[in-house]
PDB file of N, CA and C in Angstrom:
ATOM      1  N   MET A   1       0.917  -1.353  -0.295  1.00  0.00           N
ATOM      2  CA  MET A   1      -0.064   0.320   0.114  1.00  0.00           C
ATOM      3  C   MET A   1       0.839   1.093  -0.179  1.00  0.00           C
ATOM      4  N   GLU A   2       0.701   2.312  -0.840  1.00  0.00           N
ATOM      5  CA  GLU A   2       1.245   3.409  -1.053  1.00  0.00           C
ATOM      6  C   GLU A   2       0.665   4.603  -1.024  1.00  0.00           C
ATOM      7  N   ASN A   3       0.720   5.582  -0.032  1.00  0.00           N
ATOM      8  CA  ASN A   3      -0.023   6.765   0.076  1.00  0.00           C
ATOM      9  C   ASN A   3      -1.356   6.417   0.297  1.00  0.00           C
ATOM     10  N   GLY A   4      -1.808   5.206   0.699  1.00  0.00           N
ATOM     11  CA  GLY A   4      -3.198   5.049   1.027  1.00  0.00           C
ATOM     12  C   GLY A   4      -3.919   4.229  -0.141  1.00  0.00           C
ATOM     13  N   ILE A   5      -2.994   3.899  -1.220  1.00  0.00           N
ATOM     14  CA  ILE A   5      -3.663   3.250  -2.489  1.00  0.00           C
ATOM     15  C   ILE A   5      -3.127   1.858  -2.576  1.00  0.00           C
ATOM     16  N   GLN A   6      -3.781   0.712  -2.729  1.00  0.00           N
ATOM     17  CA  GLN A   6      -3.304  -0.430  -2.939  1.00  0.00           C
ATOM     18  C   GLN A   6      -2.718  -0.639  -4.533  1.00  0.00           C
ATOM     19  N   LEU A   7      -1.274  -0.698  -4.734  1.00  0.00           N
ATOM     20  CA  LEU A   7      -0.793  -0.972  -5.713  1.00  0.00           C
ATOM     21  C   LEU A   7      -0.797  -2.712  -6.369  1.00  0.00           C
ATOM     22  N   ASN A   8      -1.417  -2.643  -7.265  1.00  0.00           N
ATOM     23  CA  ASN A   8      -1.278  -4.474  -7.637  1.00  0.00           C
ATOM     24  C   ASN A   8      -0.270  -4.678  -8.662  1.00  0.00           C
ATOM     25  N   LYS A   9       0.400  -5.625  -8.210  1.00  0.00           N
ATOM     26  CA  LYS A   9       1.520  -6.205  -9.394  1.00  0.00           C
ATOM     27  C   LYS A   9       0.816  -6.703 -10.546  1.00  0.00           C
ATOM     28  N   CYS A  10       1.380  -6.522 -11.702  1.00  0.00           N
ATOM     29  CA  CYS A  10       0.928  -7.419 -12.846  1.00  0.00           C
ATOM     30  C   CYS A  10       1.227  -8.820 -12.998  1.00  0.00           C
ATOM     31  N   ARG A  11       0.323  -9.581 -12.778  1.00  0.00           N
ATOM     32  CA  ARG A  11       0.259 -11.092 -12.285  1.00  0.00           C
ATOM     33  C   ARG A  11       0.948 -11.572 -13.825  1.00  0.00           C
ATOM     34  N   LYS A  12       0.192 -11.087 -14.729  1.00  0.00           N
ATOM     35  CA  LYS A  12       0.242 -11.853 -16.058  1.00  0.00           C
ATOM     36  C   LYS A  12       1.245 -11.270 -17.015  1.00  0.00           C
ATOM     37  N   CYS A  13       1.919 -10.389 -16.776  1.00  0.00           N
ATOM     38  CA  CYS A  13       2.684  -9.703 -17.836  1.00  0.00           C
ATOM     39  C   CYS A  13       4.183 -10.295 -17.554  1.00  0.00           C
ATOM     40  N   LEU A  14       4.736 -10.021 -19.113  1.00  0.00           N
ATOM     41  CA  LEU A  14       6.056 -10.494 -19.209  1.00  0.00           C
ATOM     42  C   LEU A  14       6.852  -9.302 -19.235  1.00  0.00           C
ATOM     43  N   LEU A  15       8.263  -9.526 -19.238  1.00  0.00           N
ATOM     44  CA  LEU A  15       8.989  -8.371 -18.922  1.00  0.00           C
ATOM     45  C   LEU A  15       8.839  -7.108 -19.959  1.00  0.00           C
ATOM     46  N   TYR A  16       8.854  -7.608 -21.103  1.00  0.00           N
ATOM     47  CA  TYR A  16       8.618  -6.524 -22.328  1.00  0.00           C
ATOM     48  C   TYR A  16       7.527  -5.915 -22.266  1.00  0.00           C
ATOM     49  N   GLU A  17       6.104  -6.149 -21.335  1.00  0.00           N
ATOM     50  CA  GLU A  17       5.233  -5.565 -21.278  1.00  0.00           C
ATOM     51  C   GLU A  17       5.183  -4.538 -19.868  1.00  0.00           C
ATOM     52  N   LEU A  18       6.027  -4.508 -19.014  1.00  0.00           N
ATOM     53  CA  LEU A  18       6.129  -3.900 -17.901  1.00  0.00           C
ATOM     54  C   LEU A  18       7.040  -2.496 -18.274  1.00  0.00           C
ATOM     55  N   ALA A  19       6.966  -1.634 -17.425  1.00  0.00           N
ATOM     56  CA  ALA A  19       7.574  -0.356 -17.455  1.00  0.00           C
ATOM     57  C   ALA A  19       9.210  -0.404 -17.287  1.00  0.00           C
ATOM     58  N   ASP A  20       9.764  -1.493 -16.923  1.00  0.00           N
ATOM     59  CA  ASP A  20      11.296  -1.425 -16.358  1.00  0.00           C
ATOM     60  C   ASP A  20      11.723  -1.763 -17.582  1.00  0.00           C
ATOM     61  N   LYS A  21      12.052  -0.788 -18.696  1.00  0.00           N
ATOM     62  CA  LYS A  21      12.857  -0.904 -19.965  1.00  0.00           C
ATOM     63  C   LYS A  21      14.317  -1.531 -19.848  1.00  0.00           C
ATOM     64  N   ALA A  22      14.878  -0.861 -18.701  1.00  0.00           N
ATOM     65  CA  ALA A  22      16.203  -1.148 -18.613  1.00  0.00           C
ATOM     66  C   ALA A  22      16.273  -2.755 -18.363  1.00  0.00           C
ATOM     67  N   ALA A  23      15.351  -3.459 -17.485  1.00  0.00           N
ATOM     68  CA  ALA A  23      15.521  -4.833 -17.042  1.00  0.00           C
ATOM     69  C   ALA A  23      15.170  -5.476 -18.666  1.00  0.00           C
ATOM     70  N   PHE A  24      14.156  -5.022 -19.310  1.00  0.00           N
ATOM     71  CA  PHE A  24      13.984  -5.809 -20.426  1.00  0.00           C
ATOM     72  C   PHE A  24      14.978  -5.894 -21.517  1.00  0.00           C
ATOM     73  N   GLU A  25      15.841  -4.652 -21.716  1.00  0.00           N
ATOM     74  CA  GLU A  25      16.741  -4.405 -22.565  1.00  0.00           C
ATOM     75  C   GLU A  25      18.078  -5.559 -22.081  1.00  0.00           C
ATOM     76  N   SER A  26      17.992  -5.552 -20.828  1.00  0.00           N
ATOM     77  CA  SER A  26      19.214  -6.488 -20.535  1.00  0.00           C
ATOM     78  C   SER A  26      18.783  -8.044 -20.474  1.00  0.00           C
ATOM     79  N   VAL A  27      17.812  -8.334 -20.517  1.00  0.00           N
ATOM     80  CA  VAL A  27      17.219  -9.571 -20.691  1.00  0.00           C
ATOM     81  C   VAL A  27      17.344  -9.834 -22.332  1.00  0.00           C
ATOM     82  N   LYS A  28      17.078  -8.855 -23.032  1.00  0.00           N
ATOM     83  CA  LYS A  28      16.753  -9.017 -24.365  1.00  0.00           C
ATOM     84  C   LYS A  28      18.467  -9.127 -24.858  1.00  0.00           C
ATOM     85  N   SER A  29      19.302  -8.497 -24.300  1.00  0.00           N
ATOM     86  CA  SER A  29      20.524  -8.495 -24.804  1.00  0.00           C
ATOM     87  C   SER A  29      21.235 -10.061 -24.349  1.00  0.00           C
ATOM     88  N   TYR A  30      20.565 -10.479 -23.382  1.00  0.00           N
ATOM     89  CA  TYR A  30      21.004 -11.936 -22.811  1.00  0.00           C
ATOM     90  C   TYR A  30      20.568 -12.839 -23.752  1.00  0.00           C
ATOM     91  N   LEU A  31      19.351 -12.884 -24.265  1.00  0.00           N
ATOM     92  CA  LEU A  31      18.806 -13.726 -25.313  1.00  0.00           C
ATOM     93  C   LEU A  31      19.665 -13.660 -26.580  1.00  0.00           C
ATOM     94  N   GLU A  32      19.730 -12.386 -26.792  1.00  0.00           N
ATOM     95  CA  GLU A  32      20.315 -12.617 -28.063  1.00  0.00           C
ATOM     96  C   GLU A  32      21.817 -13.050 -28.314  1.00  0.00           C
ATOM     97  N   ALA A  33      22.530 -12.937 -27.071  1.00  0.00           N
ATOM     98  CA  ALA A  33      23.671 -13.529 -27.154  1.00  0.00           C
ATOM     99  C   ALA A  33      24.008 -15.162 -26.699  1.00  0.00           C
ATOM    100  N   MET A  34      22.601 -15.550 -26.482  1.00  0.00           N
ATOM    101  CA  MET A  34      22.593 -17.230 -26.405  1.00  0.00           C
ATOM    102  C   MET A  34      22.674 -17.577 -27.483  1.00  0.00           C
ATOM    103  N   PRO A  35      23.688 -18.697 -27.443  1.00  0.00           N
ATOM    104  CA  PRO A  35      23.867 -19.589 -28.478  1.00  0.00           C
ATOM    105  C   PRO A  35      22.940 -20.124 -29.266  1.00  0.00           C
ATOM    106  N   ALA A  36      22.659 -20.236 -30.549  1.00  0.00           N
ATOM    107  CA  ALA A  36      21.231 -20.575 -31.367  1.00  0.00           C
ATOM    108  C   ALA A  36      21.419 -22.008 -30.692  1.00  0.00           C
ATOM    109  N   GLN A  37      22.205 -22.846 -30.450  1.00  0.00           N
ATOM    110  CA  GLN A  37      21.853 -24.345 -30.233  1.00  0.00           C
ATOM    111  C   GLN A  37      21.339 -24.519 -28.816  1.00  0.00           C
ATOM    112  N   GLN A  38      21.641 -23.560 -28.150  1.00  0.00           N
ATOM    113  CA  GLN A  38      20.929 -23.712 -26.530  1.00  0.00           C
ATOM    114  C   GLN A  38      19.650 -23.097 -26.455  1.00  0.00           C
ATOM    115  N   LYS A  39      19.002 -22.493 -27.658  1.00  0.00           N
ATOM    116  CA  LYS A  39      17.617 -21.807 -27.704  1.00  0.00           C
ATOM    117  C   LYS A  39      16.467 -22.899 -27.958  1.00  0.00           C
ATOM    118  N   ALA A  40      15.562 -22.639 -27.362  1.00  0.00           N
ATOM    119  CA  ALA A  40      14.265 -23.603 -27.974  1.00  0.00           C
ATOM    120  C   ALA A  40      13.895 -22.766 -29.141  1.00  0.00           C
ATOM    121  N   ASP A  41      13.199 -23.442 -29.936  1.00  0.00           N
ATOM    122  CA  ASP A  41      12.721 -23.116 -31.379  1.00  0.00           C
ATOM    123  C   ASP A  41      11.564 -21.884 -30.949  1.00  0.00           C
ATOM    124  N   GLU A  42      11.332 -20.905 -31.845  1.00  0.00           N
ATOM    125  CA  GLU A  42      10.282 -19.975 -31.558  1.00  0.00           C
ATOM    126  C   GLU A  42       9.021 -20.523 -31.125  1.00  0.00           C
ATOM    127  N   ALA A  43       8.431 -21.587 -31.833  1.00  0.00           N
ATOM    128  CA  ALA A  43       7.068 -22.049 -31.722  1.00  0.00           C
ATOM    129  C   ALA A  43       7.178 -22.503 -29.996  1.00  0.00           C
ATOM    130  N   GLU A  44       8.163 -23.250 -29.619  1.00  0.00           N
ATOM    131  CA  GLU A  44       8.347 -23.928 -28.254  1.00  0.00           C
ATOM    132  C   GLU A  44       8.595 -22.764 -27.233  1.00  0.00           C
ATOM    133  N   TYR A  45       9.435 -21.778 -27.494  1.00  0.00           N
ATOM    134  CA  TYR A  45       9.236 -20.567 -26.790  1.00  0.00           C
ATOM    135  C   TYR A  45       8.226 -19.687 -26.609  1.00  0.00           C
ATOM    136  N   GLN A  46       7.344 -19.596 -27.376  1.00  0.00           N
ATOM    137  CA  GLN A  46       6.169 -18.768 -27.447  1.00  0.00           C
ATOM    138  C   GLN A  46       4.951 -19.749 -26.805  1.00  0.00           C
ATOM    139  N   ARG A  47       5.015 -21.242 -26.685  1.00  0.00           N
ATOM    140  CA  ARG A  47       4.117 -22.000 -26.173  1.00  0.00           C
ATOM    141  C   ARG A  47       4.512 -22.030 -24.461  1.00  0.00           C
ATOM    142  N   ARG A  48       5.935 -22.066 -23.935  1.00  0.00           N
ATOM    143  CA  ARG A  48       6.333 -22.128 -22.920  1.00  0.00           C
ATOM    144  C   ARG A  48       5.647 -20.395 -22.361  1.00  0.00           C
ATOM    145  N   LEU A  49       5.932 -19.430 -22.820  1.00  0.00           N
ATOM    146  CA  LEU A  49       5.481 -18.076 -22.241  1.00  0.00           C
ATOM    147  C   LEU A  49       4.194 -18.090 -22.148  1.00  0.00           C
ATOM    148  N   ASP A  50       3.305 -18.891 -23.053  1.00  0.00           N
ATOM    149  CA  ASP A  50       1.743 -18.573 -22.908  1.00  0.00           C
ATOM    150  C   ASP A  50       1.426 -19.774 -21.564  1.00  0.00           C
ATOM    151  N   ILE A  51       2.246 -20.629 -21.235  1.00  0.00           N
ATOM    152  CA  ILE A  51       2.105 -21.414 -20.277  1.00  0.00           C
ATOM    153  C   ILE A  51       2.298 -20.533 -18.871  1.00  0.00           C
ATOM    154  N   CYS A  52       3.548 -19.926 -18.941  1.00  0.00           N
ATOM    155  CA  CYS A  52       3.899 -19.070 -17.787  1.00  0.00           C
ATOM    156  C   CYS A  52       2.941 -18.027 -17.559  1.00  0.00           C
ATOM    157  N   ARG A  53       2.356 -17.462 -18.597  1.00  0.00           N
ATOM    158  CA  ARG A  53       1.274 -16.418 -18.656  1.00  0.00           C
ATOM    159  C   ARG A  53       0.255 -16.811 -17.690  1.00  0.00           C
ATOM    160  N   GLY A  54      -0.164 -17.896 -17.607  1.00  0.00           N
ATOM    161  CA  GLY A  54      -1.330 -18.460 -17.234  1.00  0.00           C
ATOM    162  C   GLY A  54      -1.056 -19.102 -15.710  1.00  0.00           C
ATOM    163  N   CYS A  55       0.193 -18.955 -15.437  1.00  0.00           N
ATOM    164  CA  CYS A  55       0.461 -19.632 -14.037  1.00  0.00           C
ATOM    165  C   CYS A  55       0.417 -18.655 -12.954  1.00  0.00           C
ATOM    166  N   ASP A  56      -0.170 -19.316 -11.810  1.00  0.00           N
ATOM    167  CA  ASP A  56      -0.274 -18.194 -10.534  1.00  0.00           C
ATOM    168  C   ASP A  56       1.267 -18.085  -9.918  1.00  0.00           C
ATOM    169  N   SER A  57       1.979 -18.562 -10.422  1.00  0.00           N
ATOM    170  CA  SER A  57       3.413 -18.082  -9.905  1.00  0.00           C
ATOM    171  C   SER A  57       4.066 -17.033 -10.548  1.00  0.00           C
ATOM    172  N   LEU A  58       3.485 -16.505 -11.640  1.00  0.00           N
ATOM    173  CA  LEU A  58       3.923 -15.312 -12.372  1.00  0.00           C
ATOM    174  C   LEU A  58       3.614 -14.064 -11.757  1.00  0.00           C
ATOM    175  N   LEU A  59       4.767 -13.350 -11.531  1.00  0.00           N
ATOM    176  CA  LEU A  59       4.563 -11.924 -11.052  1.00  0.00           C
ATOM    177  C   LEU A  59       5.491 -11.283 -11.404  1.00  0.00           C
ATOM    178  N   SER A  60       4.904 -10.111 -12.278  1.00  0.00           N
ATOM    179  CA  SER A  60       5.825  -9.096 -12.884  1.00  0.00           C
ATOM    180  C   SER A  60       7.050  -9.666 -13.488  1.00  0.00           C
ATOM    181  N   ALA A  61       6.828 -10.581 -14.461  1.00  0.00           N
ATOM    182  CA  ALA A  61       7.669 -11.298 -15.438  1.00  0.00           C
ATOM    183  C   ALA A  61       8.729 -12.225 -14.793  1.00  0.00           C
ATOM    184  N   MET A  62       8.457 -12.473 -13.525  1.00  0.00           N
ATOM    185  CA  MET A  62       9.443 -13.500 -12.558  1.00  0.00           C
ATOM    186  C   MET A  62       8.630 -14.707 -12.151  1.00  0.00           C
ATOM    187  N   CYS A  63       9.188 -15.625 -12.417  1.00  0.00           N
ATOM    188  CA  CYS A  63       8.632 -16.922 -11.572  1.00  0.00           C
ATOM    189  C   CYS A  63       9.087 -16.812 -10.033  1.00  0.00           C
ATOM    190  N   ARG A  64       7.769 -17.037  -9.261  1.00  0.00           N
ATOM    191  CA  ARG A  64       7.956 -17.080  -7.690  1.00  0.00           C
ATOM    192  C   ARG A  64       8.536 -18.477  -7.380  1.00  0.00           C
ATOM    193  N   LYS A  65       8.649 -19.385  -8.019  1.00  0.00           N
ATOM    194  CA  LYS A  65       9.208 -20.735  -7.569  1.00  0.00           C
ATOM    195  C   LYS A  65      10.734 -20.555  -7.706  1.00  0.00           C
ATOM    196  N   CYS A  66      11.381 -19.866  -8.825  1.00  0.00           N
ATOM    197  CA  CYS A  66      12.688 -19.828  -9.030  1.00  0.00           C
ATOM    198  C   CYS A  66      13.374 -18.571  -8.810  1.00  0.00           C
ATOM    199  N   GLY A  67      12.600 -17.559  -9.046  1.00  0.00           N
ATOM    200  CA  GLY A  67      13.261 -16.409  -9.369  1.00  0.00           C
ATOM    201  C   GLY A  67      13.520 -15.714 -10.591  1.00  0.00           C
ATOM    202  N   CYS A  68      13.352 -16.645 -11.474  1.00  0.00           N
ATOM    203  CA  CYS A  68      14.027 -16.150 -12.951  1.00  0.00           C
ATOM    204  C   CYS A  68      13.257 -15.238 -13.634  1.00  0.00           C
ATOM    205  N   TYR A  69      13.665 -14.357 -14.422  1.00  0.00           N
ATOM    206  CA  TYR A  69      12.668 -14.046 -15.741  1.00  0.00           C
ATOM    207  C   TYR A  69      12.233 -15.021 -16.772  1.00  0.00           C
ATOM    208  N   VAL A  70      10.762 -15.324 -16.911  1.00  0.00           N
ATOM    209  CA  VAL A  70      10.435 -16.439 -17.547  1.00  0.00           C
ATOM    210  C   VAL A  70      10.971 -16.439 -18.928  1.00  0.00           C
ATOM    211  N   GLU A  71      11.249 -15.201 -19.433  1.00  0.00           N
ATOM    212  CA  GLU A  71      11.581 -15.020 -20.954  1.00  0.00           C
ATOM    213  C   GLU A  71      13.095 -15.784 -20.671  1.00  0.00           C
ATOM    214  N   ILE A  72      13.615 -15.539 -19.840  1.00  0.00           N
ATOM    215  CA  ILE A  72      15.174 -16.434 -20.152  1.00  0.00           C
ATOM    216  C   ILE A  72      14.955 -17.700 -20.025  1.00  0.00           C
ATOM    217  N   ARG A  73      14.277 -18.150 -18.817  1.00  0.00           N
ATOM    218  CA  ARG A  73      14.172 -19.834 -18.815  1.00  0.00           C
ATOM    219  C   ARG A  73      13.446 -20.417 -19.962  1.00  0.00           C
ATOM    220  N   ALA A  74      12.230 -19.639 -20.323  1.00  0.00           N
ATOM    221  CA  ALA A  74      11.588 -20.313 -21.438  1.00  0.00           C
ATOM    222  C   ALA A  74      12.465 -20.391 -22.594  1.00  0.00           C
ATOM    223  N   ALA A  75      13.510 -19.570 -22.917  1.00  0.00           N
ATOM    224  CA  ALA A  75      14.350 -19.605 -24.132  1.00  0.00           C
ATOM    225  C   ALA A  75      15.277 -20.735 -24.251  1.00  0.00           C
ATOM    226  N   ASP A  76      15.662 -21.192 -23.172  1.00  0.00           N
ATOM    227  CA  ASP A  76      16.792 -22.376 -22.894  1.00  0.00           C
ATOM    228  C   ASP A  76      16.296 -23.659 -23.469  1.00  0.00           C
ATOM    229  N   LYS A  77      16.381 -24.359 -24.303  1.00  0.00           N
ATOM    230  CA  LYS A  77      15.703 -25.475 -24.880  1.00  0.00           C
ATOM    231  C   LYS A  77      15.720 -26.638 -23.831  1.00  0.00           C
ATOM    232  N   ASP A  78      16.961 -26.443 -22.572  1.00  0.00           N
ATOM    233  CA  ASP A  78      16.992 -27.554 -21.916  1.00  0.00           C
ATOM    234  C   ASP A  78      16.206 -27.229 -20.576  1.00  0.00           C
ATOM    235  N   ALA A  79      15.826 -26.207 -20.413  1.00  0.00           N
ATOM    236  CA  ALA A  79      15.221 -25.724 -19.081  1.00  0.00           C
ATOM    237  C   ALA A  79      13.950 -26.479 -18.895  1.00  0.00           C
ATOM    238  N   HIS A  80      13.329 -26.371 -17.926  1.00  0.00           N
ATOM    239  CA  HIS A  80      12.217 -26.951 -17.390  1.00  0.00           C
ATOM    240  C   HIS A  80      11.219 -25.976 -16.376  1.00  0.00           C
ATOM    241  N   CYS A  81       9.936 -25.894 -16.301  1.00  0.00           N
ATOM    242  CA  CYS A  81       9.388 -25.214 -15.318  1.00  0.00           C
ATOM    243  C   CYS A  81      10.052 -25.515 -13.962  1.00  0.00           C
ATOM    244  N   PRO A  82       9.942 -24.752 -13.279  1.00  0.00           N
ATOM    245  CA  PRO A  82      10.579 -25.102 -11.637  1.00  0.00           C
ATOM    246  C   PRO A  82       9.307 -25.853 -10.777  1.00  0.00           C
ATOM    247  N   ARG A  83       7.904 -25.702 -10.976  1.00  0.00           N
ATOM    248  CA  ARG A  83       7.181 -26.159 -10.283  1.00  0.00           C
ATOM    249  C   ARG A  83       7.274 -27.639  -9.810  1.00  0.00           C
ATOM    250  N   THR A  84       6.689 -27.968  -8.781  1.00  0.00           N
ATOM    251  CA  THR A  84       7.072 -29.502  -8.241  1.00  0.00           C
ATOM    252  C   THR A  84       6.277 -30.510  -9.440  1.00  0.00           C
ATOM    253  N   ILE A  85       5.467 -30.136  -9.990  1.00  0.00           N
ATOM    254  CA  ILE A  85       4.605 -30.699 -11.058  1.00  0.00           C
ATOM    255  C   ILE A  85       4.924 -29.673 -12.223  1.00  0.00           C
ATOM    256  N   PRO A  86       5.911 -29.762 -12.852  1.00  0.00           N
ATOM    257  CA  PRO A  86       6.293 -28.987 -14.066  1.00  0.00           C
ATOM    258  C   PRO A  86       5.008 -28.814 -15.058  1.00  0.00           C
ATOM    259  N   LEU A  87       4.765 -27.483 -15.426  1.00  0.00           N
ATOM    260  CA  LEU A  87       3.548 -27.169 -16.723  1.00  0.00           C
ATOM    261  C   LEU A  87       4.378 -27.524 -17.760  1.00  0.00           C
ATOM    262  N   TRP A  88       5.741 -27.260 -18.053  1.00  0.00           N
ATOM    263  CA  TRP A  88       6.113 -27.577 -19.550  1.00  0.00           C
ATOM    264  C   TRP A  88       7.744 -28.237 -19.257  1.00  0.00           C
TER     265      TRP A  88
END
């Protein structure tokens, strides 16, 4: 609560949709530098992000289970959802 106003975190937003452009640019640079053989293909990446967007552990572009930016975890082809019962 700030100045008597309840502020809500965007639970379903990914980093590029939030106002923190510096963090987005940092993650974008990281993703661009990731070796192609380490990246999930675009369809799989988008599928993972869609699942994360619907997850109750997503909070302001971060996974509350592991603390990562979901855009980074979803991009790594060998990564998996950190939930006890993984969603992807």
